C-alpha atoms as a PDB file:
ATOM      1  CA  MET A   1     -11.265  50.164 -40.480  1.00  0.00           C
ATOM      2  CA  ILE A   2      -8.109  48.091 -40.952  1.00  0.00           C
ATOM      3  CA  HIS A   3      -7.230  48.372 -37.257  1.00  0.00           C
ATOM      4  CA  LYS A   4     -10.769  47.335 -36.325  1.00  0.00           C
ATOM      5  CA  ARG A   5     -10.512  44.271 -38.560  1.00  0.00           C
ATOM      6  CA  LEU A   6      -7.128  43.387 -37.053  1.00  0.00           C
ATOM      7  CA  ARG A   7      -8.574  43.669 -33.536  1.00  0.00           C
ATOM      8  CA  THR A   8     -11.511  41.485 -34.573  1.00  0.00           C
ATOM      9  CA  PHE A   9      -9.155  38.920 -36.093  1.00  0.00           C
ATOM     10  CA  ALA A  10      -6.937  38.931 -33.008  1.00  0.00           C
ATOM     11  CA  SER A  11      -9.943  38.446 -30.715  1.00  0.00           C
ATOM     12  CA  ALA A  12     -11.167  35.564 -32.856  1.00  0.00           C
ATOM     13  CA  ALA A  13      -7.714  33.964 -32.844  1.00  0.00           C
ATOM     14  CA  LEU A  14      -7.504  34.295 -29.078  1.00  0.00           C
ATOM     15  CA  ALA A  15     -10.925  32.715 -28.674  1.00  0.00           C
ATOM     16  CA  VAL A  16      -9.900  29.800 -30.890  1.00  0.00           C
ATOM     17  CA  ALA A  17      -6.682  29.359 -28.920  1.00  0.00           C
ATOM     18  CA  MET A  18      -8.586  29.362 -25.617  1.00  0.00           C
ATOM     19  CA  LEU A  19     -11.088  26.839 -26.908  1.00  0.00           C
ATOM     20  CA  THR A  20      -8.292  24.659 -28.252  1.00  0.00           C
ATOM     21  CA  GLY A  21      -6.500  24.799 -24.921  1.00  0.00           C
ATOM     22  CA  ALA A  22      -9.692  23.913 -23.060  1.00  0.00           C
ATOM     23  CA  ALA A  23     -10.329  21.027 -25.437  1.00  0.00           C
ATOM     24  CA  GLN A  24      -6.798  19.731 -24.956  1.00  0.00           C
ATOM     25  CA  ALA A  25      -7.211  19.914 -21.179  1.00  0.00           C
ATOM     26  CA  GLN A  26     -10.487  18.019 -21.433  1.00  0.00           C
ATOM     27  CA  ASP A  27      -8.861  15.425 -23.678  1.00  0.00           C
ATOM     28  CA  LYS A  28      -6.309  14.532 -21.011  1.00  0.00           C
ATOM     29  CA  ILE A  29      -6.823  11.180 -19.340  1.00  0.00           C
ATOM     30  CA  GLU A  30      -7.718  11.920 -15.728  1.00  0.00           C
ATOM     31  CA  LEU A  31      -6.082   9.741 -13.083  1.00  0.00           C
ATOM     32  CA  ILE A  32      -7.461  10.601  -9.649  1.00  0.00           C
ATOM     33  CA  PHE A  33      -5.331   8.782  -7.044  1.00  0.00           C
ATOM     34  CA  SER A  34      -6.375   8.343  -3.416  1.00  0.00           C
ATOM     35  CA  ASP A  35      -4.071   7.170  -0.630  1.00  0.00           C
ATOM     36  CA  VAL A  36      -4.314   6.885   3.141  1.00  0.00           C
ATOM     37  CA  ASN A  37      -0.646   7.786   3.678  1.00  0.00           C
ATOM     38  CA  PRO A  38       0.853  11.283   3.907  1.00  0.00           C
ATOM     39  CA  GLN A  39       2.220  13.149   0.917  1.00  0.00           C
ATOM     40  CA  GLN A  40       5.831  12.840   2.110  1.00  0.00           C
ATOM     41  CA  ALA A  41       5.770   9.013   2.142  1.00  0.00           C
ATOM     42  CA  PRO A  42       8.439   7.842  -0.338  1.00  0.00           C
ATOM     43  CA  ARG A  43       5.941   5.912  -2.449  1.00  0.00           C
ATOM     44  CA  ASN A  44       3.794   9.036  -2.850  1.00  0.00           C
ATOM     45  CA  VAL A  45       6.817  11.202  -3.609  1.00  0.00           C
ATOM     46  CA  ALA A  46       7.817   8.675  -6.275  1.00  0.00           C
ATOM     47  CA  LEU A  47       4.385   8.728  -7.903  1.00  0.00           C
ATOM     48  CA  VAL A  48       4.427  12.519  -8.225  1.00  0.00           C
ATOM     49  CA  ASP A  49       8.093  13.050  -9.092  1.00  0.00           C
ATOM     50  CA  ILE A  50       8.580  10.003 -11.328  1.00  0.00           C
ATOM     51  CA  PHE A  51       5.337   8.262 -12.333  1.00  0.00           C
ATOM     52  CA  ALA A  52       3.365  11.413 -13.183  1.00  0.00           C
ATOM     53  CA  LYS A  53       6.189  12.707 -15.363  1.00  0.00           C
ATOM     54  CA  GLU A  54       7.000   9.421 -17.081  1.00  0.00           C
ATOM     55  CA  ILE A  55       3.448   8.587 -18.191  1.00  0.00           C
ATOM     56  CA  GLY A  56       3.353  11.590 -20.510  1.00  0.00           C
ATOM     57  CA  GLU A  57       1.474  14.845 -21.033  1.00  0.00           C
ATOM     58  CA  GLU A  58      -1.726  13.157 -22.200  1.00  0.00           C
ATOM     59  CA  PHE A  59      -2.371  12.086 -18.589  1.00  0.00           C
ATOM     60  CA  ASP A  60      -3.557  14.270 -15.714  1.00  0.00           C
ATOM     61  CA  PHE A  61      -2.423  12.664 -12.433  1.00  0.00           C
ATOM     62  CA  LYS A  62      -4.336  14.081  -9.445  1.00  0.00           C
ATOM     63  CA  PRO A  63      -3.203  12.676  -6.073  1.00  0.00           C
ATOM     64  CA  TYR A  64      -5.029  12.975  -2.736  1.00  0.00           C
ATOM     65  CA  TYR A  65      -3.295  11.966   0.490  1.00  0.00           C
ATOM     66  CA  GLY A  66      -4.072  11.161   4.119  1.00  0.00           C
ATOM     67  CA  ALA A  67      -7.502   9.683   3.352  1.00  0.00           C
ATOM     68  CA  THR A  68      -8.751  13.203   2.540  1.00  0.00           C
ATOM     69  CA  LEU A  69     -10.688  12.026  -0.507  1.00  0.00           C
ATOM     70  CA  MET A  70     -11.739   8.490   0.410  1.00  0.00           C
ATOM     71  CA  LYS A  71     -11.706   6.662   3.729  1.00  0.00           C
ATOM     72  CA  GLN A  72      -9.356   3.732   4.199  1.00  0.00           C
ATOM     73  CA  GLY A  73     -10.916   0.572   2.810  1.00  0.00           C
ATOM     74  CA  THR A  74     -13.230   2.325   0.348  1.00  0.00           C
ATOM     75  CA  GLU A  75     -10.714   2.973  -2.431  1.00  0.00           C
ATOM     76  CA  LEU A  76     -11.276  -0.248  -4.383  1.00  0.00           C
ATOM     77  CA  THR A  77     -15.005   0.387  -4.547  1.00  0.00           C
ATOM     78  CA  GLY A  78     -14.191   3.951  -5.548  1.00  0.00           C
ATOM     79  CA  ILE A  79     -12.210   2.678  -8.540  1.00  0.00           C
ATOM     80  CA  GLN A  80     -14.963   0.254  -9.507  1.00  0.00           C
ATOM     81  CA  ARG A  81     -17.578   3.024  -9.391  1.00  0.00           C
ATOM     82  CA  GLY A  82     -15.418   5.447 -11.342  1.00  0.00           C
ATOM     83  CA  ASN A  83     -15.022   7.933  -8.473  1.00  0.00           C
ATOM     84  CA  ILE A  84     -11.238   7.530  -8.676  1.00  0.00           C
ATOM     85  CA  GLN A  85      -9.018   5.835 -11.213  1.00  0.00           C
ATOM     86  CA  MET A  86      -5.988   4.770  -9.159  1.00  0.00           C
ATOM     87  CA  ALA A  87      -4.943   3.669  -5.687  1.00  0.00           C
ATOM     88  CA  SER A  88      -2.163   1.856  -3.879  1.00  0.00           C
ATOM     89  CA  LEU A  89      -3.762  -0.832  -1.732  1.00  0.00           C
ATOM     90  CA  PRO A  90      -2.639  -3.744   0.440  1.00  0.00           C
ATOM     91  CA  PRO A  91      -3.601  -7.260  -0.714  1.00  0.00           C
ATOM     92  CA  SER A  92      -6.086  -7.502   2.151  1.00  0.00           C
ATOM     93  CA  ASP A  93      -8.260  -4.819   0.536  1.00  0.00           C
ATOM     94  CA  LEU A  94      -8.411  -6.846  -2.665  1.00  0.00           C
ATOM     95  CA  ALA A  95      -9.117  -9.988  -0.640  1.00  0.00           C
ATOM     96  CA  GLN A  96     -12.441  -8.516   0.480  1.00  0.00           C
ATOM     97  CA  GLN A  97     -13.744  -9.320  -3.004  1.00  0.00           C
ATOM     98  CA  ALA A  98     -11.108 -11.777  -4.248  1.00  0.00           C
ATOM     99  CA  PRO A  99     -10.071 -14.009  -1.309  1.00  0.00           C
ATOM    100  CA  GLU A 100      -7.162 -15.432  -3.299  1.00  0.00           C
ATOM    101  CA  PHE A 101      -5.157 -12.324  -2.368  1.00  0.00           C
ATOM    102  CA  ASP A 102      -5.237 -13.316   1.307  1.00  0.00           C
ATOM    103  CA  ILE A 103      -2.150 -15.451   0.744  1.00  0.00           C
ATOM    104  CA  LEU A 104       0.027 -12.354   0.260  1.00  0.00           C
ATOM    105  CA  GLY A 105      -0.946 -10.948   3.644  1.00  0.00           C
ATOM    106  CA  ALA A 106      -0.461 -14.105   5.666  1.00  0.00           C
ATOM    107  CA  ALA A 107       2.293 -14.042   8.255  1.00  0.00           C
ATOM    108  CA  TYR A 108       5.745 -15.044   7.007  1.00  0.00           C
ATOM    109  CA  VAL A 109       4.673 -15.872   3.394  1.00  0.00           C
ATOM    110  CA  ILE A 110       6.455 -13.003   1.597  1.00  0.00           C
ATOM    111  CA  ARG A 111       9.944 -12.860   3.060  1.00  0.00           C
ATOM    112  CA  ASP A 112      11.420  -9.550   1.934  1.00  0.00           C
ATOM    113  CA  GLN A 113      11.539  -6.984  -0.892  1.00  0.00           C
ATOM    114  CA  ALA A 114      13.509  -9.185  -3.273  1.00  0.00           C
ATOM    115  CA  HIS A 115      11.132 -12.085  -2.684  1.00  0.00           C
ATOM    116  CA  LEU A 116       8.135  -9.822  -3.360  1.00  0.00           C
ATOM    117  CA  LYS A 117       9.572  -8.849  -6.758  1.00  0.00           C
ATOM    118  CA  ALA A 118      10.336 -12.470  -7.584  1.00  0.00           C
ATOM    119  CA  VAL A 119       6.760 -13.489  -6.796  1.00  0.00           C
ATOM    120  CA  PHE A 120       5.252 -10.891  -9.149  1.00  0.00           C
ATOM    121  CA  ASP A 121       7.753 -11.696 -11.884  1.00  0.00           C
ATOM    122  CA  SER A 122       6.685 -15.347 -11.731  1.00  0.00           C
ATOM    123  CA  GLU A 123       3.626 -17.285 -12.837  1.00  0.00           C
ATOM    124  CA  VAL A 124       2.083 -16.394  -9.465  1.00  0.00           C
ATOM    125  CA  GLY A 125       2.202 -12.711 -10.333  1.00  0.00           C
ATOM    126  CA  GLU A 126       0.468 -13.229 -13.664  1.00  0.00           C
ATOM    127  CA  GLN A 127      -2.158 -15.426 -12.034  1.00  0.00           C
ATOM    128  CA  LEU A 128      -2.902 -12.724  -9.456  1.00  0.00           C
ATOM    129  CA  ARG A 129      -3.067 -10.044 -12.156  1.00  0.00           C
ATOM    130  CA  GLN A 130      -5.617 -12.102 -14.050  1.00  0.00           C
ATOM    131  CA  ILE A 131      -7.718 -12.594 -10.923  1.00  0.00           C
ATOM    132  CA  ALA A 132      -7.643  -8.815 -10.343  1.00  0.00           C
ATOM    133  CA  ARG A 133      -8.829  -8.182 -13.912  1.00  0.00           C
ATOM    134  CA  ASP A 134     -11.563 -10.797 -13.860  1.00  0.00           C
ATOM    135  CA  LYS A 135     -12.943 -10.321 -10.351  1.00  0.00           C
ATOM    136  CA  LEU A 136     -12.127  -6.737  -9.444  1.00  0.00           C
ATOM    137  CA  GLY A 137     -11.913  -4.768 -12.666  1.00  0.00           C
ATOM    138  CA  VAL A 138      -8.464  -3.400 -11.841  1.00  0.00           C
ATOM    139  CA  GLU A 139      -5.037  -3.709 -13.394  1.00  0.00           C
ATOM    140  CA  ILE A 140      -2.055  -4.330 -11.091  1.00  0.00           C
ATOM    141  CA  LEU A 141       0.735  -2.154 -12.478  1.00  0.00           C
ATOM    142  CA  THR A 142       3.359  -3.271  -9.986  1.00  0.00           C
ATOM    143  CA  PRO A 143       3.797  -4.241  -6.337  1.00  0.00           C
ATOM    144  CA  LEU A 144       5.678  -1.912  -4.042  1.00  0.00           C
ATOM    145  CA  TYR A 145       7.537  -2.525  -0.805  1.00  0.00           C
ATOM    146  CA  TYR A 146       7.182  -0.258   2.185  1.00  0.00           C
ATOM    147  CA  GLY A 147       8.952  -2.156   4.883  1.00  0.00           C
ATOM    148  CA  THR A 148       8.559  -5.206   7.035  1.00  0.00           C
ATOM    149  CA  ARG A 149       5.930  -4.961   9.746  1.00  0.00           C
ATOM    150  CA  GLN A 150       7.145  -5.001  13.347  1.00  0.00           C
ATOM    151  CA  VAL A 151       5.191  -4.858  16.604  1.00  0.00           C
ATOM    152  CA  ASN A 152       5.236  -1.452  18.326  1.00  0.00           C
ATOM    153  CA  LEU A 153       3.922  -1.315  21.926  1.00  0.00           C
ATOM    154  CA  ARG A 154       3.233   0.868  24.930  1.00  0.00           C
ATOM    155  CA  GLY A 155       4.649  -0.239  28.272  1.00  0.00           C
ATOM    156  CA  ASP A 156       7.752  -2.204  29.227  1.00  0.00           C
ATOM    157  CA  LYS A 157       6.473  -5.789  29.239  1.00  0.00           C
ATOM    158  CA  GLU A 158       9.011  -7.830  27.299  1.00  0.00           C
ATOM    159  CA  ILE A 159       7.660  -9.875  24.403  1.00  0.00           C
ATOM    160  CA  ASN A 160       9.525 -13.056  23.487  1.00  0.00           C
ATOM    161  CA  THR A 161       6.869 -15.514  22.287  1.00  0.00           C
ATOM    162  CA  PRO A 162       3.224 -15.340  21.117  1.00  0.00           C
ATOM    163  CA  ALA A 163       2.168 -16.281  24.629  1.00  0.00           C
ATOM    164  CA  ASP A 164       3.519 -12.924  25.823  1.00  0.00           C
ATOM    165  CA  MET A 165       1.115 -11.175  23.440  1.00  0.00           C
ATOM    166  CA  SER A 166      -1.923 -12.597  25.224  1.00  0.00           C
ATOM    167  CA  GLY A 167      -4.292  -9.798  26.199  1.00  0.00           C
ATOM    168  CA  VAL A 168      -2.404  -7.149  24.230  1.00  0.00           C
ATOM    169  CA  LYS A 169      -4.855  -4.899  22.361  1.00  0.00           C
ATOM    170  CA  LEU A 170      -3.040  -4.676  19.049  1.00  0.00           C
ATOM    171  CA  ARG A 171      -4.418  -2.261  16.482  1.00  0.00           C
ATOM    172  CA  MET A 172      -4.884  -3.878  13.105  1.00  0.00           C
ATOM    173  CA  PRO A 173      -6.633  -2.476  10.026  1.00  0.00           C
ATOM    174  CA  GLY A 174     -10.259  -3.473   9.591  1.00  0.00           C
ATOM    175  CA  GLY A 175     -11.102  -6.627   7.680  1.00  0.00           C
ATOM    176  CA  GLU A 176     -10.945 -10.312   8.504  1.00  0.00           C
ATOM    177  CA  SER A 177      -7.488 -10.848   7.010  1.00  0.00           C
ATOM    178  CA  TRP A 178      -5.818  -8.127   9.064  1.00  0.00           C
ATOM    179  CA  GLN A 179      -7.630  -9.109  12.230  1.00  0.00           C
ATOM    180  CA  PHE A 180      -6.525 -12.706  11.786  1.00  0.00           C
ATOM    181  CA  LEU A 181      -2.937 -11.593  11.265  1.00  0.00           C
ATOM    182  CA  GLY A 182      -3.037  -9.945  14.678  1.00  0.00           C
ATOM    183  CA  LYS A 183      -4.551 -13.063  16.193  1.00  0.00           C
ATOM    184  CA  SER A 184      -1.842 -15.234  14.613  1.00  0.00           C
ATOM    185  CA  LEU A 185       0.711 -13.272  16.647  1.00  0.00           C
ATOM    186  CA  GLY A 186      -1.121 -14.152  19.864  1.00  0.00           C
ATOM    187  CA  ALA A 187      -2.644 -10.692  20.345  1.00  0.00           C
ATOM    188  CA  ASN A 188      -6.156  -9.361  20.745  1.00  0.00           C
ATOM    189  CA  PRO A 189      -6.661  -7.455  17.453  1.00  0.00           C
ATOM    190  CA  VAL A 190      -8.660  -4.210  17.473  1.00  0.00           C
ATOM    191  CA  PRO A 191      -9.686  -2.409  14.250  1.00  0.00           C
ATOM    192  CA  VAL A 192      -8.718   1.283  14.219  1.00  0.00           C
ATOM    193  CA  PRO A 193      -8.468   3.526  11.128  1.00  0.00           C
ATOM    194  CA  TYR A 194      -4.888   4.471  10.300  1.00  0.00           C
ATOM    195  CA  ALA A 195      -5.593   8.199  10.525  1.00  0.00           C
ATOM    196  CA  GLU A 196      -6.905   7.741  14.091  1.00  0.00           C
ATOM    197  CA  LEU A 197      -4.128   5.453  15.323  1.00  0.00           C
ATOM    198  CA  TYR A 198      -1.866   8.057  16.950  1.00  0.00           C
ATOM    199  CA  THR A 199      -4.707   9.234  19.192  1.00  0.00           C
ATOM    200  CA  ALA A 200      -5.747   5.647  19.957  1.00  0.00           C
ATOM    201  CA  LEU A 201      -2.212   4.858  21.151  1.00  0.00           C
ATOM    202  CA  GLN A 202      -1.943   8.103  23.077  1.00  0.00           C
ATOM    203  CA  SER A 203      -5.221   7.534  24.924  1.00  0.00           C
ATOM    204  CA  GLY A 204      -4.677   3.826  25.559  1.00  0.00           C
ATOM    205  CA  VAL A 205      -7.561   2.637  23.409  1.00  0.00           C
ATOM    206  CA  VAL A 206      -5.002   0.170  22.048  1.00  0.00           C
ATOM    207  CA  ASP A 207      -1.747  -1.108  23.567  1.00  0.00           C
ATOM    208  CA  GLY A 208       0.166  -1.189  20.326  1.00  0.00           C
ATOM    209  CA  GLN A 209       0.203  -1.439  16.574  1.00  0.00           C
ATOM    210  CA  ASP A 210       2.161  -3.137  13.823  1.00  0.00           C
ATOM    211  CA  ASN A 211       3.646  -1.297  10.873  1.00  0.00           C
ATOM    212  CA  PRO A 212       6.904  -1.071   8.960  1.00  0.00           C
ATOM    213  CA  LEU A 213       9.481   1.120  10.705  1.00  0.00           C
ATOM    214  CA  PRO A 214       9.247   3.943   8.127  1.00  0.00           C
ATOM    215  CA  ASN A 215       5.512   4.231   8.833  1.00  0.00           C
ATOM    216  CA  ASP A 216       6.207   4.441  12.570  1.00  0.00           C
ATOM    217  CA  LYS A 217       8.433   7.424  11.934  1.00  0.00           C
ATOM    218  CA  GLU A 218       6.191   9.126   9.357  1.00  0.00           C
ATOM    219  CA  MET A 219       3.188   8.941  11.675  1.00  0.00           C
ATOM    220  CA  LYS A 220       5.278   9.671  14.813  1.00  0.00           C
ATOM    221  CA  PHE A 221       4.009   6.600  16.644  1.00  0.00           C
ATOM    222  CA  TYR A 222       7.312   6.552  18.551  1.00  0.00           C
ATOM    223  CA  GLU A 223       6.058   9.581  20.494  1.00  0.00           C
ATOM    224  CA  VAL A 224       3.305   7.525  22.149  1.00  0.00           C
ATOM    225  CA  THR A 225       4.917   4.059  22.460  1.00  0.00           C
ATOM    226  CA  ASP A 226       7.822   2.533  24.395  1.00  0.00           C
ATOM    227  CA  GLN A 227       9.177  -0.431  22.477  1.00  0.00           C
ATOM    228  CA  ILE A 228       9.535  -2.094  19.081  1.00  0.00           C
ATOM    229  CA  VAL A 229       9.588  -5.871  18.879  1.00  0.00           C
ATOM    230  CA  LEU A 230      11.289  -7.022  15.669  1.00  0.00           C
ATOM    231  CA  THR A 231       8.915  -9.854  14.823  1.00  0.00           C
ATOM    232  CA  GLY A 232       9.299  -9.356  11.051  1.00  0.00           C
ATOM    233  CA  HIS A 233       5.986 -11.110  10.653  1.00  0.00           C
ATOM    234  CA  ASN A 234       4.663  -9.492   7.500  1.00  0.00           C
ATOM    235  CA  VAL A 235       6.074  -7.615   4.534  1.00  0.00           C
ATOM    236  CA  GLY A 236       4.331  -4.316   3.853  1.00  0.00           C
ATOM    237  CA  ILE A 237       2.967  -4.613   0.321  1.00  0.00           C
ATOM    238  CA  GLY A 238       1.162  -2.078  -1.794  1.00  0.00           C
ATOM    239  CA  LEU A 239      -0.325  -2.900  -5.165  1.00  0.00           C
ATOM    240  CA  ILE A 240      -0.502   0.072  -7.520  1.00  0.00           C
ATOM    241  CA  LEU A 241      -3.852  -0.266  -9.230  1.00  0.00           C
ATOM    242  CA  VAL A 242      -5.546   1.439 -12.124  1.00  0.00           C
ATOM    243  CA  SER A 243      -9.098   0.922 -13.306  1.00  0.00           C
ATOM    244  CA  SER A 244      -9.305  -1.764 -15.994  1.00  0.00           C
ATOM    245  CA  GLN A 245     -11.803   0.421 -17.825  1.00  0.00           C
ATOM    246  CA  VAL A 246      -9.216   3.198 -18.025  1.00  0.00           C
ATOM    247  CA  PHE A 247      -6.301   0.870 -18.757  1.00  0.00           C
ATOM    248  CA  ASP A 248      -8.081  -1.095 -21.485  1.00  0.00           C
ATOM    249  CA  ALA A 249      -8.973   2.142 -23.291  1.00  0.00           C
ATOM    250  CA  LEU A 250      -5.286   3.045 -23.647  1.00  0.00           C
ATOM    251  CA  THR A 251      -3.158   2.240 -26.651  1.00  0.00           C
ATOM    252  CA  PRO A 252      -0.616  -0.593 -26.215  1.00  0.00           C
ATOM    253  CA  GLU A 253       2.141   2.025 -26.175  1.00  0.00           C
ATOM    254  CA  GLN A 254       0.393   4.008 -23.421  1.00  0.00           C
ATOM    255  CA  GLN A 255      -0.170   0.846 -21.390  1.00  0.00           C
ATOM    256  CA  GLU A 256       3.482  -0.118 -21.611  1.00  0.00           C
ATOM    257  CA  ARG A 257       4.558   3.423 -20.730  1.00  0.00           C
ATOM    258  CA  MET A 258       2.265   3.379 -17.671  1.00  0.00           C
ATOM    259  CA  ARG A 259       3.660   0.043 -16.495  1.00  0.00           C
ATOM    260  CA  ALA A 260       7.244   1.203 -17.029  1.00  0.00           C
ATOM    261  CA  ALA A 261       6.573   4.476 -15.205  1.00  0.00           C
ATOM    262  CA  ALA A 262       5.107   2.628 -12.215  1.00  0.00           C
ATOM    263  CA  LYS A 263       8.078   0.245 -12.058  1.00  0.00           C
ATOM    264  CA  LYS A 264      10.580   3.106 -12.282  1.00  0.00           C
ATOM    265  CA  ALA A 265       8.813   5.002  -9.494  1.00  0.00           C
ATOM    266  CA  VAL A 266       8.598   1.924  -7.294  1.00  0.00           C
ATOM    267  CA  ALA A 267      12.270   1.036  -7.813  1.00  0.00           C
ATOM    268  CA  TRP A 268      13.196   4.421  -6.321  1.00  0.00           C
ATOM    269  CA  SER A 269      10.596   4.134  -3.557  1.00  0.00           C
ATOM    270  CA  ASP A 270      11.676   0.620  -2.545  1.00  0.00           C
ATOM    271  CA  GLU A 271      15.272   1.790  -2.223  1.00  0.00           C
ATOM    272  CA  GLN A 272      14.217   4.625   0.095  1.00  0.00           C
ATOM    273  CA  TYR A 273      12.362   2.246   2.394  1.00  0.00           C
ATOM    274  CA  LEU A 274      15.221  -0.260   2.493  1.00  0.00           C
ATOM    275  CA  ASN A 275      17.664   2.532   3.371  1.00  0.00           C
ATOM    276  CA  GLN A 276      15.332   3.922   6.024  1.00  0.00           C
ATOM    277  CA  GLU A 277      14.878   0.552   7.697  1.00  0.00           C
ATOM    278  CA  ALA A 278      18.627   0.159   7.977  1.00  0.00           C
ATOM    279  CA  GLU A 279      18.878   3.493   9.796  1.00  0.00           C
ATOM    280  CA  LEU A 280      15.699   3.645  11.868  1.00  0.00           C
ATOM    281  CA  ILE A 281      16.581   1.272  14.679  1.00  0.00           C
ATOM    282  CA  GLU A 282      19.230   3.712  15.868  1.00  0.00           C
ATOM    283  CA  PHE A 283      16.739   6.574  15.489  1.00  0.00           C
ATOM    284  CA  PHE A 284      14.085   4.890  17.646  1.00  0.00           C
ATOM    285  CA  GLU A 285      16.616   3.942  20.292  1.00  0.00           C
ATOM    286  CA  GLY A 286      17.705   7.583  20.338  1.00  0.00           C
ATOM    287  CA  GLU A 287      14.052   8.514  20.985  1.00  0.00           C
ATOM    288  CA  GLY A 288      14.098   6.289  24.087  1.00  0.00           C
ATOM    289  CA  LEU A 289      12.366   3.197  22.695  1.00  0.00           C
ATOM    290  CA  LYS A 290      13.604  -0.301  23.487  1.00  0.00           C
ATOM    291  CA  VAL A 291      14.202  -2.211  20.236  1.00  0.00           C
ATOM    292  CA  TYR A 292      14.851  -5.966  20.361  1.00  0.00           C
ATOM    293  CA  THR A 293      14.308  -9.277  18.553  1.00  0.00           C
ATOM    294  CA  PRO A 294      12.016 -11.923  20.111  1.00  0.00           C
ATOM    295  CA  ASP A 295      11.961 -15.680  19.448  1.00  0.00           C
ATOM    296  CA  VAL A 296      11.010 -15.298  15.770  1.00  0.00           C
ATOM    297  CA  ALA A 297      10.926 -19.066  15.212  1.00  0.00           C
ATOM    298  CA  ALA A 298       8.252 -19.368  17.904  1.00  0.00           C
ATOM    299  CA  PHE A 299       6.184 -16.662  16.228  1.00  0.00           C
ATOM    300  CA  GLN A 300       6.588 -18.320  12.816  1.00  0.00           C
ATOM    301  CA  SER A 301       5.535 -21.719  14.077  1.00  0.00           C
ATOM    302  CA  HIS A 302       2.510 -20.332  15.923  1.00  0.00           C
ATOM    303  CA  ALA A 303       1.379 -18.198  13.000  1.00  0.00           C
ATOM    304  CA  GLN A 304       1.693 -20.968  10.421  1.00  0.00           C
ATOM    305  CA  GLU A 305      -0.307 -23.324  12.582  1.00  0.00           C
ATOM    306  CA  GLN A 306      -3.014 -20.687  12.995  1.00  0.00           C
ATOM    307  CA  TYR A 307      -3.318 -20.145   9.241  1.00  0.00           C
ATOM    308  CA  LEU A 308      -3.285 -23.806   8.262  1.00  0.00           C
ATOM    309  CA  ASN A 309      -6.091 -24.514  10.726  1.00  0.00           C
ATOM    310  CA  SER A 310      -8.101 -21.507   9.553  1.00  0.00           C
ATOM    311  CA  PRO A 311     -10.688 -21.223   6.780  1.00  0.00           C
ATOM    312  CA  LEU A 312      -8.603 -18.325   5.426  1.00  0.00           C
ATOM    313  CA  SER A 313      -6.080 -20.694   3.869  1.00  0.00           C
ATOM    314  CA  LYS A 314      -8.887 -22.486   2.015  1.00  0.00           C
ATOM    315  CA  SER A 315      -9.094 -19.530  -0.399  1.00  0.00           C
ATOM    316  CA  TRP A 316      -5.445 -19.766  -1.379  1.00  0.00           C
ATOM    317  CA  PRO A 317      -5.032 -20.999  -4.974  1.00  0.00           C
ATOM    318  CA  GLU A 318      -3.924 -24.612  -5.041  1.00  0.00           C
ATOM    319  CA  GLY A 319      -0.163 -24.999  -5.184  1.00  0.00           C
ATOM    320  CA  MET A 320       0.520 -21.251  -4.967  1.00  0.00           C
ATOM    321  CA  LEU A 321       2.147 -21.396  -1.524  1.00  0.00           C
ATOM    322  CA  ASP A 322       4.577 -24.084  -2.723  1.00  0.00           C
ATOM    323  CA  VAL A 323       5.560 -21.939  -5.707  1.00  0.00           C
ATOM    324  CA  ILE A 324       6.027 -18.870  -3.511  1.00  0.00           C
ATOM    325  CA  ASN A 325       8.121 -20.811  -0.991  1.00  0.00           C
ATOM    326  CA  GLY A 326      10.269 -22.164  -3.809  1.00  0.00           C
ATOM    327  CA  LEU A 327      11.176 -18.754  -5.233  1.00  0.00           C
END
């Protein structure tokens, strides 16, 4: 009888423990993260190895890579609808609903990684964060750098000025901002999803693409192109976002821990990209690509004129460009 009671007690204790464990798992704050880039991209490695660990055990970070969960360009809506809680998106995606963010994607506005950090540590950064809260329902945890965009082409036609880009079918992400960026370089922009770009280059659907050098290596675009033109026309920016609904429900301590975790992860990620860029020119030349610098001043002048004469610049907050240029 005693043994039977002990077995009954043990079974009851086990059941309680299982229920408690299930309840604790359910109590965790779910953070589903969707990204178009591969798992091995430094910024994704940093989110798993640093961010997910630093935010604490009360969070359940669930990443999905390579646009396997959500198609490129749908992530912001996914956050707003509650399908996902986090994403890392370029400013152009935010500009679809908040045109003020277009300024960050314009050619030659953000100069480099250090300038990007300075912008978001300034009054401009706080202004953009407030716009994201008010208009988009997302919290910008931190910006991240993933290289400076360069033009990557098929063929051996040398590119020195925007005039040389005439007729070049240059893949750009979908959306007016990205398409205009391609136009500002003198090219004929063509929207192609990132996941389909390798095949589009291989088959000749497009003549080239623009991405930071680390992306060119990650996606193996060097296998289906012949040259890299170091235009340096646009800094690759990601904004690590979390749903405002999720963020606002956190305690102040949890919010600060999440921000700090994102900044720590991005600091490591940024360093990886900067180191890669310094080494990749030699790598691409070793793969048989011609790598050279065009008349950058000519590209800058042409691009700035295009933007100032475009309705796109009308959405830029008054005085913001002057502040950014002065940093």
